[in-house]
Amino acid sequence: VAAPPSSSSSLNKAWRLLTSPDKTDQQDPERALKLFRKEVTNSPASPSAWTGLGAACELTARYQAASRAYARASTLTTDPVNLEALACRRALMHLANNEPREAELVLDETS
């Protein structure tokens, strides 16, 4: 999951904790999850914060929560590429949760 652009330093830090390839700044999805939860509380209209929360939930096997966060992020963006990517992430979370019908419904919504 690629980090969307952000101006918040705590949001940037949370994304680094999820995506950093640098061994000196190791990934820590649980810590990132805490930061993203705080960020969506402080900035509930931030699609980047909600996308990050979804990614952190996904990496910590909280698939239902990830799907909900990705769904919220999709209500906050109008970019068709982001909307399609978020729908795909939501569908994958349903599949990871053994919910193929729900995954199909999510994908049908975007077509």
PDB file of N, CA and C in Angstrom:
ATOM      1  N   VAL A   1       0.855  -1.170   0.000  1.00  0.00           N
ATOM      2  CA  VAL A   1       0.000   0.000   0.000  1.00  0.00           C
ATOM      3  C   VAL A   1       0.898   1.228   0.000  1.00  0.00           C
ATOM      4  N   ALA A   2       0.726   2.083  -0.964  1.00  0.00           N
ATOM      5  CA  ALA A   2       1.541   3.292  -1.065  1.00  0.00           C
ATOM      6  C   ALA A   2       0.946   4.393  -0.205  1.00  0.00           C
ATOM      7  N   ALA A   3       1.817   5.173   0.382  1.00  0.00           N
ATOM      8  CA  ALA A   3       1.380   6.264   1.246  1.00  0.00           C
ATOM      9  C   ALA A   3       0.899   7.440   0.413  1.00  0.00           C
ATOM     10  N   PRO A   4      -0.345   7.886   0.637  1.00  0.00           N
ATOM     11  CA  PRO A   4      -0.807   9.105  -0.024  1.00  0.00           C
ATOM     12  C   PRO A   4      -0.070  10.319   0.529  1.00  0.00           C
ATOM     13  N   PRO A   5       0.004  11.405  -0.252  1.00  0.00           N
ATOM     14  CA  PRO A   5       0.673  12.602   0.252  1.00  0.00           C
ATOM     15  C   PRO A   5      -0.054  13.157   1.476  1.00  0.00           C
ATOM     16  N   SER A   6       0.730  13.723   2.384  1.00  0.00           N
ATOM     17  CA  SER A   6       0.143  14.248   3.610  1.00  0.00           C
ATOM     18  C   SER A   6       0.986  15.400   4.126  1.00  0.00           C
ATOM     19  N   SER A   7       0.352  16.312   4.847  1.00  0.00           N
ATOM     20  CA  SER A   7       1.090  17.420   5.438  1.00  0.00           C
ATOM     21  C   SER A   7       1.326  17.216   6.928  1.00  0.00           C
ATOM     22  N   SER A   8       0.675  16.261   7.541  1.00  0.00           N
ATOM     23  CA  SER A   8       0.795  16.026   8.975  1.00  0.00           C
ATOM     24  C   SER A   8       2.032  15.188   9.278  1.00  0.00           C
ATOM     25  N   SER A   9       2.858  15.666  10.204  1.00  0.00           N
ATOM     26  CA  SER A   9       4.065  14.912  10.538  1.00  0.00           C
ATOM     27  C   SER A   9       3.736  13.584  11.221  1.00  0.00           C
ATOM     28  N   SER A  10       2.702  13.546  12.061  1.00  0.00           N
ATOM     29  CA  SER A  10       2.344  12.272  12.695  1.00  0.00           C
ATOM     30  C   SER A  10       1.763  11.300  11.670  1.00  0.00           C
ATOM     31  N   LEU A  11       1.060  11.827  10.685  1.00  0.00           N
ATOM     32  CA  LEU A  11       0.530  10.980   9.624  1.00  0.00           C
ATOM     33  C   LEU A  11       1.678  10.418   8.790  1.00  0.00           C
ATOM     34  N   ASN A  12       2.657  11.254   8.483  1.00  0.00           N
ATOM     35  CA  ASN A  12       3.826  10.786   7.738  1.00  0.00           C
ATOM     36  C   ASN A  12       4.585   9.729   8.527  1.00  0.00           C
ATOM     37  N   LYS A  13       4.727   9.931   9.829  1.00  0.00           N
ATOM     38  CA  LYS A  13       5.413   8.955  10.669  1.00  0.00           C
ATOM     39  C   LYS A  13       4.675   7.620  10.656  1.00  0.00           C
ATOM     40  N   ALA A  14       3.356   7.670  10.754  1.00  0.00           N
ATOM     41  CA  ALA A  14       2.553   6.450  10.738  1.00  0.00           C
ATOM     42  C   ALA A  14       2.735   5.704   9.419  1.00  0.00           C
ATOM     43  N   TRP A  15       2.735   6.445   8.304  1.00  0.00           N
ATOM     44  CA  TRP A  15       2.949   5.800   7.009  1.00  0.00           C
ATOM     45  C   TRP A  15       4.338   5.170   6.940  1.00  0.00           C
ATOM     46  N   ARG A  16       5.354   5.842   7.482  1.00  0.00           N
ATOM     47  CA  ARG A  16       6.707   5.263   7.486  1.00  0.00           C
ATOM     48  C   ARG A  16       6.747   3.963   8.281  1.00  0.00           C
ATOM     49  N   LEU A  17       5.995   3.913   9.377  1.00  0.00           N
ATOM     50  CA  LEU A  17       5.961   2.693  10.182  1.00  0.00           C
ATOM     51  C   LEU A  17       5.322   1.531   9.426  1.00  0.00           C
ATOM     52  N   LEU A  18       4.496   1.837   8.445  1.00  0.00           N
ATOM     53  CA  LEU A  18       3.871   0.782   7.639  1.00  0.00           C
ATOM     54  C   LEU A  18       4.703   0.391   6.429  1.00  0.00           C
ATOM     55  N   THR A  19       5.374   1.355   5.837  1.00  0.00           N
ATOM     56  CA  THR A  19       5.938   1.125   4.505  1.00  0.00           C
ATOM     57  C   THR A  19       7.448   1.236   4.413  1.00  0.00           C
ATOM     58  N   SER A  20       8.129   1.559   5.479  1.00  0.00           N
ATOM     59  CA  SER A  20       9.564   1.808   5.401  1.00  0.00           C
ATOM     60  C   SER A  20      10.361   0.564   5.016  1.00  0.00           C
ATOM     61  N   PRO A  21      11.151   0.664   3.930  1.00  0.00           N
ATOM     62  CA  PRO A  21      12.035  -0.448   3.585  1.00  0.00           C
ATOM     63  C   PRO A  21      13.376  -0.345   4.322  1.00  0.00           C
ATOM     64  N   ASP A  22      13.584   0.781   5.006  1.00  0.00           N
ATOM     65  CA  ASP A  22      14.845   1.040   5.699  1.00  0.00           C
ATOM     66  C   ASP A  22      14.907   0.244   6.996  1.00  0.00           C
ATOM     67  N   LYS A  23      15.977  -0.526   7.172  1.00  0.00           N
ATOM     68  CA  LYS A  23      16.134  -1.361   8.372  1.00  0.00           C
ATOM     69  C   LYS A  23      16.279  -0.525   9.646  1.00  0.00           C
ATOM     70  N   THR A  24      16.751   0.720   9.536  1.00  0.00           N
ATOM     71  CA  THR A  24      16.902   1.549  10.734  1.00  0.00           C
ATOM     72  C   THR A  24      15.584   2.138  11.198  1.00  0.00           C
ATOM     73  N   ASP A  25      14.602   2.151  10.331  1.00  0.00           N
ATOM     74  CA  ASP A  25      13.270   2.666  10.657  1.00  0.00           C
ATOM     75  C   ASP A  25      12.280   1.539  10.397  1.00  0.00           C
ATOM     76  N   GLN A  26      12.346   0.495  11.205  1.00  0.00           N
ATOM     77  CA  GLN A  26      11.610  -0.733  10.933  1.00  0.00           C
ATOM     78  C   GLN A  26      10.106  -0.520  10.957  1.00  0.00           C
ATOM     79  N   GLN A  27       9.462  -1.381  10.209  1.00  0.00           N
ATOM     80  CA  GLN A  27       8.004  -1.338  10.169  1.00  0.00           C
ATOM     81  C   GLN A  27       7.435  -1.785  11.511  1.00  0.00           C
ATOM     82  N   ASP A  28       6.368  -1.125  11.916  1.00  0.00           N
ATOM     83  CA  ASP A  28       5.691  -1.464  13.164  1.00  0.00           C
ATOM     84  C   ASP A  28       4.198  -1.206  12.970  1.00  0.00           C
ATOM     85  N   PRO A  29       3.483  -2.171  12.369  1.00  0.00           N
ATOM     86  CA  PRO A  29       2.065  -1.965  12.074  1.00  0.00           C
ATOM     87  C   PRO A  29       1.207  -1.677  13.303  1.00  0.00           C
ATOM     88  N   GLU A  30       1.516  -2.282  14.440  1.00  0.00           N
ATOM     89  CA  GLU A  30       0.714  -2.029  15.655  1.00  0.00           C
ATOM     90  C   GLU A  30       0.864  -0.578  16.107  1.00  0.00           C
ATOM     91  N   ARG A  31       2.079  -0.085  16.080  1.00  0.00           N
ATOM     92  CA  ARG A  31       2.313   1.320  16.454  1.00  0.00           C
ATOM     93  C   ARG A  31       1.671   2.262  15.435  1.00  0.00           C
ATOM     94  N   ALA A  32       1.799   1.905  14.154  1.00  0.00           N
ATOM     95  CA  ALA A  32       1.163   2.705  13.101  1.00  0.00           C
ATOM     96  C   ALA A  32      -0.347   2.730  13.299  1.00  0.00           C
ATOM     97  N   LEU A  33      -0.931   1.594  13.679  1.00  0.00           N
ATOM     98  CA  LEU A  33      -2.366   1.514  13.919  1.00  0.00           C
ATOM     99  C   LEU A  33      -2.792   2.517  14.985  1.00  0.00           C
ATOM    100  N   LYS A  34      -2.041   2.596  16.063  1.00  0.00           N
ATOM    101  CA  LYS A  34      -2.364   3.561  17.125  1.00  0.00           C
ATOM    102  C   LYS A  34      -2.290   4.997  16.608  1.00  0.00           C
ATOM    103  N   LEU A  35      -1.255   5.289  15.817  1.00  0.00           N
ATOM    104  CA  LEU A  35      -1.114   6.648  15.276  1.00  0.00           C
ATOM    105  C   LEU A  35      -2.244   6.982  14.298  1.00  0.00           C
ATOM    106  N   PHE A  36      -2.604   6.032  13.450  1.00  0.00           N
ATOM    107  CA  PHE A  36      -3.697   6.284  12.507  1.00  0.00           C
ATOM    108  C   PHE A  36      -5.035   6.457  13.227  1.00  0.00           C
ATOM    109  N   ARG A  37      -5.268   5.684  14.275  1.00  0.00           N
ATOM    110  CA  ARG A  37      -6.510   5.869  15.052  1.00  0.00           C
ATOM    111  C   ARG A  37      -6.577   7.277  15.624  1.00  0.00           C
ATOM    112  N   LYS A  38      -5.466   7.753  16.138  1.00  0.00           N
ATOM    113  CA  LYS A  38      -5.407   9.118  16.676  1.00  0.00           C
ATOM    114  C   LYS A  38      -5.626  10.134  15.558  1.00  0.00           C
ATOM    115  N   GLU A  39      -5.015   9.853  14.411  1.00  0.00           N
ATOM    116  CA  GLU A  39      -5.121  10.783  13.283  1.00  0.00           C
ATOM    117  C   GLU A  39      -6.553  10.889  12.757  1.00  0.00           C
ATOM    118  N   VAL A  40      -7.288   9.777  12.670  1.00  0.00           N
ATOM    119  CA  VAL A  40      -8.673   9.873  12.177  1.00  0.00           C
ATOM    120  C   VAL A  40      -9.570  10.565  13.194  1.00  0.00           C
ATOM    121  N   THR A  41      -9.207  10.495  14.466  1.00  0.00           N
ATOM    122  CA  THR A  41      -9.947  11.232  15.488  1.00  0.00           C
ATOM    123  C   THR A  41      -9.693  12.729  15.338  1.00  0.00           C
ATOM    124  N   ASN A  42      -8.421  13.087  15.104  1.00  0.00           N
ATOM    125  CA  ASN A  42      -8.047  14.496  14.967  1.00  0.00           C
ATOM    126  C   ASN A  42      -8.420  15.093  13.614  1.00  0.00           C
ATOM    127  N   SER A  43      -8.412  14.267  12.571  1.00  0.00           N
ATOM    128  CA  SER A  43      -8.702  14.732  11.205  1.00  0.00           C
ATOM    129  C   SER A  43      -9.666  13.774  10.516  1.00  0.00           C
ATOM    130  N   PRO A  44     -10.918  13.770  10.946  1.00  0.00           N
ATOM    131  CA  PRO A  44     -11.868  12.783  10.410  1.00  0.00           C
ATOM    132  C   PRO A  44     -12.177  12.944   8.921  1.00  0.00           C
ATOM    133  N   ALA A  45     -11.819  14.059   8.317  1.00  0.00           N
ATOM    134  CA  ALA A  45     -12.078  14.269   6.891  1.00  0.00           C
ATOM    135  C   ALA A  45     -10.850  13.971   6.035  1.00  0.00           C
ATOM    136  N   SER A  46      -9.843  13.341   6.618  1.00  0.00           N
ATOM    137  CA  SER A  46      -8.608  13.053   5.889  1.00  0.00           C
ATOM    138  C   SER A  46      -8.662  11.667   5.236  1.00  0.00           C
ATOM    139  N   PRO A  47      -8.734  11.626   3.900  1.00  0.00           N
ATOM    140  CA  PRO A  47      -8.736  10.310   3.252  1.00  0.00           C
ATOM    141  C   PRO A  47      -7.423   9.553   3.485  1.00  0.00           C
ATOM    142  N   SER A  48      -6.329  10.284   3.606  1.00  0.00           N
ATOM    143  CA  SER A  48      -5.034   9.641   3.860  1.00  0.00           C
ATOM    144  C   SER A  48      -5.016   8.953   5.218  1.00  0.00           C
ATOM    145  N   ALA A  49      -5.599   9.597   6.219  1.00  0.00           N
ATOM    146  CA  ALA A  49      -5.650   9.002   7.557  1.00  0.00           C
ATOM    147  C   ALA A  49      -6.509   7.734   7.545  1.00  0.00           C
ATOM    148  N   TRP A  50      -7.654   7.783   6.872  1.00  0.00           N
ATOM    149  CA  TRP A  50      -8.527   6.613   6.810  1.00  0.00           C
ATOM    150  C   TRP A  50      -7.913   5.487   5.984  1.00  0.00           C
ATOM    151  N   THR A  51      -7.240   5.850   4.893  1.00  0.00           N
ATOM    152  CA  THR A  51      -6.552   4.836   4.087  1.00  0.00           C
ATOM    153  C   THR A  51      -5.446   4.189   4.904  1.00  0.00           C
ATOM    154  N   GLY A  52      -4.710   5.008   5.645  1.00  0.00           N
ATOM    155  CA  GLY A  52      -3.656   4.472   6.503  1.00  0.00           C
ATOM    156  C   GLY A  52      -4.202   3.567   7.587  1.00  0.00           C
ATOM    157  N   LEU A  53      -5.324   3.967   8.173  1.00  0.00           N
ATOM    158  CA  LEU A  53      -5.949   3.117   9.187  1.00  0.00           C
ATOM    159  C   LEU A  53      -6.341   1.778   8.563  1.00  0.00           C
ATOM    160  N   GLY A  54      -6.884   1.822   7.358  1.00  0.00           N
ATOM    161  CA  GLY A  54      -7.231   0.579   6.666  1.00  0.00           C
ATOM    162  C   GLY A  54      -6.011  -0.290   6.425  1.00  0.00           C
ATOM    163  N   ALA A  55      -4.928   0.316   5.985  1.00  0.00           N
ATOM    164  CA  ALA A  55      -3.702  -0.441   5.719  1.00  0.00           C
ATOM    165  C   ALA A  55      -3.135  -1.046   7.002  1.00  0.00           C
ATOM    166  N   ALA A  56      -3.147  -0.273   8.078  1.00  0.00           N
ATOM    167  CA  ALA A  56      -2.646  -0.782   9.356  1.00  0.00           C
ATOM    168  C   ALA A  56      -3.521  -1.930   9.862  1.00  0.00           C
ATOM    169  N   CYS A  57      -4.822  -1.783   9.730  1.00  0.00           N
ATOM    170  CA  CYS A  57      -5.728  -2.874  10.122  1.00  0.00           C
ATOM    171  C   CYS A  57      -5.479  -4.102   9.261  1.00  0.00           C
ATOM    172  N   GLU A  58      -5.286  -3.874   7.977  1.00  0.00           N
ATOM    173  CA  GLU A  58      -5.022  -4.988   7.063  1.00  0.00           C
ATOM    174  C   GLU A  58      -3.749  -5.735   7.461  1.00  0.00           C
ATOM    175  N   LEU A  59      -2.685  -4.998   7.735  1.00  0.00           N
ATOM    176  CA  LEU A  59      -1.408  -5.625   8.081  1.00  0.00           C
ATOM    177  C   LEU A  59      -1.418  -6.294   9.451  1.00  0.00           C
ATOM    178  N   THR A  60      -2.425  -5.980  10.257  1.00  0.00           N
ATOM    179  CA  THR A  60      -2.549  -6.615  11.570  1.00  0.00           C
ATOM    180  C   THR A  60      -3.739  -7.589  11.592  1.00  0.00           C
ATOM    181  N   ALA A  61      -4.184  -7.989  10.412  1.00  0.00           N
ATOM    182  CA  ALA A  61      -5.241  -8.995  10.231  1.00  0.00           C
ATOM    183  C   ALA A  61      -6.580  -8.605  10.848  1.00  0.00           C
ATOM    184  N   ARG A  62      -6.880  -7.322  10.864  1.00  0.00           N
ATOM    185  CA  ARG A  62      -8.179  -6.815  11.307  1.00  0.00           C
ATOM    186  C   ARG A  62      -8.969  -6.453  10.043  1.00  0.00           C
ATOM    187  N   TYR A  63      -9.416  -7.483   9.346  1.00  0.00           N
ATOM    188  CA  TYR A  63      -9.951  -7.288   8.002  1.00  0.00           C
ATOM    189  C   TYR A  63     -11.271  -6.530   7.954  1.00  0.00           C
ATOM    190  N   GLN A  64     -12.162  -6.782   8.891  1.00  0.00           N
ATOM    191  CA  GLN A  64     -13.434  -6.040   8.898  1.00  0.00           C
ATOM    192  C   GLN A  64     -13.183  -4.559   9.173  1.00  0.00           C
ATOM    193  N   ALA A  65     -12.319  -4.274  10.125  1.00  0.00           N
ATOM    194  CA  ALA A  65     -11.990  -2.881  10.434  1.00  0.00           C
ATOM    195  C   ALA A  65     -11.297  -2.219   9.244  1.00  0.00           C
ATOM    196  N   ALA A  66     -10.445  -2.967   8.554  1.00  0.00           N
ATOM    197  CA  ALA A  66      -9.768  -2.428   7.368  1.00  0.00           C
ATOM    198  C   ALA A  66     -10.788  -2.062   6.299  1.00  0.00           C
ATOM    199  N   SER A  67     -11.733  -2.955   6.069  1.00  0.00           N
ATOM    200  CA  SER A  67     -12.759  -2.686   5.064  1.00  0.00           C
ATOM    201  C   SER A  67     -13.563  -1.437   5.416  1.00  0.00           C
ATOM    202  N   ARG A  68     -13.914  -1.292   6.681  1.00  0.00           N
ATOM    203  CA  ARG A  68     -14.670  -0.097   7.113  1.00  0.00           C
ATOM    204  C   ARG A  68     -13.844   1.176   6.916  1.00  0.00           C
ATOM    205  N   ALA A  69     -12.563   1.117   7.242  1.00  0.00           N
ATOM    206  CA  ALA A  69     -11.702   2.300   7.081  1.00  0.00           C
ATOM    207  C   ALA A  69     -11.543   2.653   5.603  1.00  0.00           C
ATOM    208  N   TYR A  70     -11.342   1.640   4.762  1.00  0.00           N
ATOM    209  CA  TYR A  70     -11.238   1.903   3.325  1.00  0.00           C
ATOM    210  C   TYR A  70     -12.558   2.461   2.783  1.00  0.00           C
ATOM    211  N   ALA A  71     -13.678   1.968   3.292  1.00  0.00           N
ATOM    212  CA  ALA A  71     -14.981   2.487   2.863  1.00  0.00           C
ATOM    213  C   ALA A  71     -15.120   3.958   3.240  1.00  0.00           C
ATOM    214  N   ARG A  72     -14.693   4.299   4.444  1.00  0.00           N
ATOM    215  CA  ARG A  72     -14.759   5.703   4.881  1.00  0.00           C
ATOM    216  C   ARG A  72     -13.855   6.574   4.015  1.00  0.00           C
ATOM    217  N   ALA A  73     -12.646   6.082   3.733  1.00  0.00           N
ATOM    218  CA  ALA A  73     -11.723   6.839   2.878  1.00  0.00           C
ATOM    219  C   ALA A  73     -12.346   7.095   1.510  1.00  0.00           C
ATOM    220  N   SER A  74     -13.080   6.117   1.000  1.00  0.00           N
ATOM    221  CA  SER A  74     -13.672   6.277  -0.331  1.00  0.00           C
ATOM    222  C   SER A  74     -14.771   7.343  -0.350  1.00  0.00           C
ATOM    223  N   THR A  75     -15.357   7.642   0.805  1.00  0.00           N
ATOM    224  CA  THR A  75     -16.364   8.711   0.846  1.00  0.00           C
ATOM    225  C   THR A  75     -15.724  10.088   0.884  1.00  0.00           C
ATOM    226  N   LEU A  76     -14.415  10.129   1.089  1.00  0.00           N
ATOM    227  CA  LEU A  76     -13.714  11.402   1.251  1.00  0.00           C
ATOM    228  C   LEU A  76     -12.855  11.788   0.051  1.00  0.00           C
ATOM    229  N   THR A  77     -12.877  10.978  -0.999  1.00  0.00           N
ATOM    230  CA  THR A  77     -12.093  11.285  -2.187  1.00  0.00           C
ATOM    231  C   THR A  77     -12.980  11.209  -3.421  1.00  0.00           C
ATOM    232  N   THR A  78     -12.617  11.983  -4.430  1.00  0.00           N
ATOM    233  CA  THR A  78     -13.342  11.934  -5.697  1.00  0.00           C
ATOM    234  C   THR A  78     -12.464  11.415  -6.824  1.00  0.00           C
ATOM    235  N   ASP A  79     -11.200  11.163  -6.533  1.00  0.00           N
ATOM    236  CA  ASP A  79     -10.258  10.676  -7.538  1.00  0.00           C
ATOM    237  C   ASP A  79     -10.656   9.257  -7.956  1.00  0.00           C
ATOM    238  N   PRO A  80     -10.994   9.048  -9.232  1.00  0.00           N
ATOM    239  CA  PRO A  80     -11.450   7.730  -9.664  1.00  0.00           C
ATOM    240  C   PRO A  80     -10.415   6.619  -9.462  1.00  0.00           C
ATOM    241  N   VAL A  81      -9.144   6.944  -9.583  1.00  0.00           N
ATOM    242  CA  VAL A  81      -8.096   5.938  -9.376  1.00  0.00           C
ATOM    243  C   VAL A  81      -8.074   5.512  -7.906  1.00  0.00           C
ATOM    244  N   ASN A  82      -8.161   6.489  -7.004  1.00  0.00           N
ATOM    245  CA  ASN A  82      -8.203   6.158  -5.578  1.00  0.00           C
ATOM    246  C   ASN A  82      -9.462   5.374  -5.226  1.00  0.00           C
ATOM    247  N   LEU A  83     -10.580   5.773  -5.799  1.00  0.00           N
ATOM    248  CA  LEU A  83     -11.832   5.060  -5.525  1.00  0.00           C
ATOM    249  C   LEU A  83     -11.746   3.602  -5.957  1.00  0.00           C
ATOM    250  N   GLU A  84     -11.164   3.369  -7.119  1.00  0.00           N
ATOM    251  CA  GLU A  84     -11.025   1.992  -7.601  1.00  0.00           C
ATOM    252  C   GLU A  84     -10.054   1.201  -6.724  1.00  0.00           C
ATOM    253  N   ALA A  85      -8.946   1.818  -6.346  1.00  0.00           N
ATOM    254  CA  ALA A  85      -7.967   1.138  -5.483  1.00  0.00           C
ATOM    255  C   ALA A  85      -8.583   0.804  -4.123  1.00  0.00           C
ATOM    256  N   LEU A  86      -9.335   1.727  -3.561  1.00  0.00           N
ATOM    257  CA  LEU A  86      -9.973   1.489  -2.267  1.00  0.00           C
ATOM    258  C   LEU A  86     -11.013   0.374  -2.372  1.00  0.00           C
ATOM    259  N   ALA A  87     -11.758   0.338  -3.470  1.00  0.00           N
ATOM    260  CA  ALA A  87     -12.738  -0.738  -3.666  1.00  0.00           C
ATOM    261  C   ALA A  87     -12.027  -2.091  -3.749  1.00  0.00           C
ATOM    262  N   CYS A  88     -10.908  -2.120  -4.443  1.00  0.00           N
ATOM    263  CA  CYS A  88     -10.145  -3.375  -4.532  1.00  0.00           C
ATOM    264  C   CYS A  88      -9.638  -3.805  -3.163  1.00  0.00           C
ATOM    265  N   ARG A  89      -9.154  -2.861  -2.369  1.00  0.00           N
ATOM    266  CA  ARG A  89      -8.680  -3.194  -1.018  1.00  0.00           C
ATOM    267  C   ARG A  89      -9.845  -3.730  -0.183  1.00  0.00           C
ATOM    268  N   ARG A  90     -11.007  -3.070  -0.276  1.00  0.00           N
ATOM    269  CA  ARG A  90     -12.182  -3.537   0.477  1.00  0.00           C
ATOM    270  C   ARG A  90     -12.564  -4.952   0.061  1.00  0.00           C
ATOM    271  N   ALA A  91     -12.567  -5.207  -1.228  1.00  0.00           N
ATOM    272  CA  ALA A  91     -12.911  -6.541  -1.718  1.00  0.00           C
ATOM    273  C   ALA A  91     -11.908  -7.574  -1.199  1.00  0.00           C
ATOM    274  N   LEU A  92     -10.636  -7.234  -1.219  1.00  0.00           N
ATOM    275  CA  LEU A  92      -9.620  -8.157  -0.702  1.00  0.00           C
ATOM    276  C   LEU A  92      -9.828  -8.433   0.784  1.00  0.00           C
ATOM    277  N   MET A  93     -10.247  -7.431   1.532  1.00  0.00           N
ATOM    278  CA  MET A  93     -10.483  -7.647   2.963  1.00  0.00           C
ATOM    279  C   MET A  93     -11.650  -8.608   3.178  1.00  0.00           C
ATOM    280  N   HIS A  94     -12.681  -8.484   2.340  1.00  0.00           N
ATOM    281  CA  HIS A  94     -13.803  -9.419   2.444  1.00  0.00           C
ATOM    282  C   HIS A  94     -13.352 -10.837   2.086  1.00  0.00           C
ATOM    283  N   LEU A  95     -12.517 -10.949   1.067  1.00  0.00           N
ATOM    284  CA  LEU A  95     -12.016 -12.275   0.706  1.00  0.00           C
ATOM    285  C   LEU A  95     -11.147 -12.855   1.819  1.00  0.00           C
ATOM    286  N   ALA A  96     -10.314 -12.023   2.429  1.00  0.00           N
ATOM    287  CA  ALA A  96      -9.469 -12.485   3.540  1.00  0.00           C
ATOM    288  C   ALA A  96     -10.315 -12.942   4.715  1.00  0.00           C
ATOM    289  N   ASN A  97     -11.509 -12.385   4.820  1.00  0.00           N
ATOM    290  CA  ASN A  97     -12.428 -12.723   5.902  1.00  0.00           C
ATOM    291  C   ASN A  97     -13.420 -13.815   5.473  1.00  0.00           C
ATOM    292  N   ASN A  98     -13.120 -14.447   4.333  1.00  0.00           N
ATOM    293  CA  ASN A  98     -13.959 -15.522   3.788  1.00  0.00           C
ATOM    294  C   ASN A  98     -15.390 -15.045   3.515  1.00  0.00           C
ATOM    295  N   GLU A  99     -15.497 -13.883   2.876  1.00  0.00           N
ATOM    296  CA  GLU A  99     -16.790 -13.293   2.520  1.00  0.00           C
ATOM    297  C   GLU A  99     -16.814 -12.978   1.026  1.00  0.00           C
ATOM    298  N   PRO A 100     -16.829 -14.006   0.177  1.00  0.00           N
ATOM    299  CA  PRO A 100     -16.743 -13.753  -1.266  1.00  0.00           C
ATOM    300  C   PRO A 100     -17.926 -12.969  -1.826  1.00  0.00           C
ATOM    301  N   ARG A 101     -19.108 -13.177  -1.293  1.00  0.00           N
ATOM    302  CA  ARG A 101     -20.283 -12.451  -1.808  1.00  0.00           C
ATOM    303  C   ARG A 101     -20.150 -10.954  -1.538  1.00  0.00           C
ATOM    304  N   GLU A 102     -19.688 -10.596  -0.338  1.00  0.00           N
ATOM    305  CA  GLU A 102     -19.494  -9.189   0.007  1.00  0.00           C
ATOM    306  C   GLU A 102     -18.422  -8.565  -0.886  1.00  0.00           C
ATOM    307  N   ALA A 103     -17.365  -9.328  -1.179  1.00  0.00           N
ATOM    308  CA  ALA A 103     -16.306  -8.831  -2.072  1.00  0.00           C
ATOM    309  C   ALA A 103     -16.874  -8.525  -3.446  1.00  0.00           C
ATOM    310  N   GLU A 104     -17.709  -9.426  -3.924  1.00  0.00           N
ATOM    311  CA  GLU A 104     -18.336  -9.233  -5.240  1.00  0.00           C
ATOM    312  C   GLU A 104     -19.231  -7.991  -5.242  1.00  0.00           C
ATOM    313  N   LEU A 105     -19.971  -7.787  -4.173  1.00  0.00           N
ATOM    314  CA  LEU A 105     -20.850  -6.613  -4.077  1.00  0.00           C
ATOM    315  C   LEU A 105     -20.050  -5.305  -4.104  1.00  0.00           C
ATOM    316  N   VAL A 106     -18.938  -5.280  -3.382  1.00  0.00           N
ATOM    317  CA  VAL A 106     -18.084  -4.083  -3.377  1.00  0.00           C
ATOM    318  C   VAL A 106     -17.601  -3.781  -4.792  1.00  0.00           C
ATOM    319  N   LEU A 107     -17.143  -4.798  -5.493  1.00  0.00           N
ATOM    320  CA  LEU A 107     -16.645  -4.593  -6.856  1.00  0.00           C
ATOM    321  C   LEU A 107     -17.767  -4.209  -7.811  1.00  0.00           C
ATOM    322  N   ASP A 108     -18.959  -4.738  -7.601  1.00  0.00           N
ATOM    323  CA  ASP A 108     -20.101  -4.372  -8.431  1.00  0.00           C
ATOM    324  C   ASP A 108     -20.469  -2.903  -8.244  1.00  0.00           C
ATOM    325  N   GLU A 109     -20.284  -2.377  -7.030  1.00  0.00           N
ATOM    326  CA  GLU A 109     -20.595  -0.968  -6.755  1.00  0.00           C
ATOM    327  C   GLU A 109     -19.734  -0.031  -7.584  1.00  0.00           C
ATOM    328  N   THR A 110     -18.523  -0.444  -7.905  1.00  0.00           N
ATOM    329  CA  THR A 110     -17.599   0.445  -8.591  1.00  0.00           C
ATOM    330  C   THR A 110     -17.679   0.339 -10.104  1.00  0.00           C
ATOM    331  N   SER A 111     -18.432  -0.630 -10.605  1.00  0.00           N
ATOM    332  CA  SER A 111     -18.495  -0.763 -12.061  1.00  0.00           C
ATOM    333  C   SER A 111     -19.667  -0.019 -12.655  1.00  0.00           C
TER     334      SER A 111
END
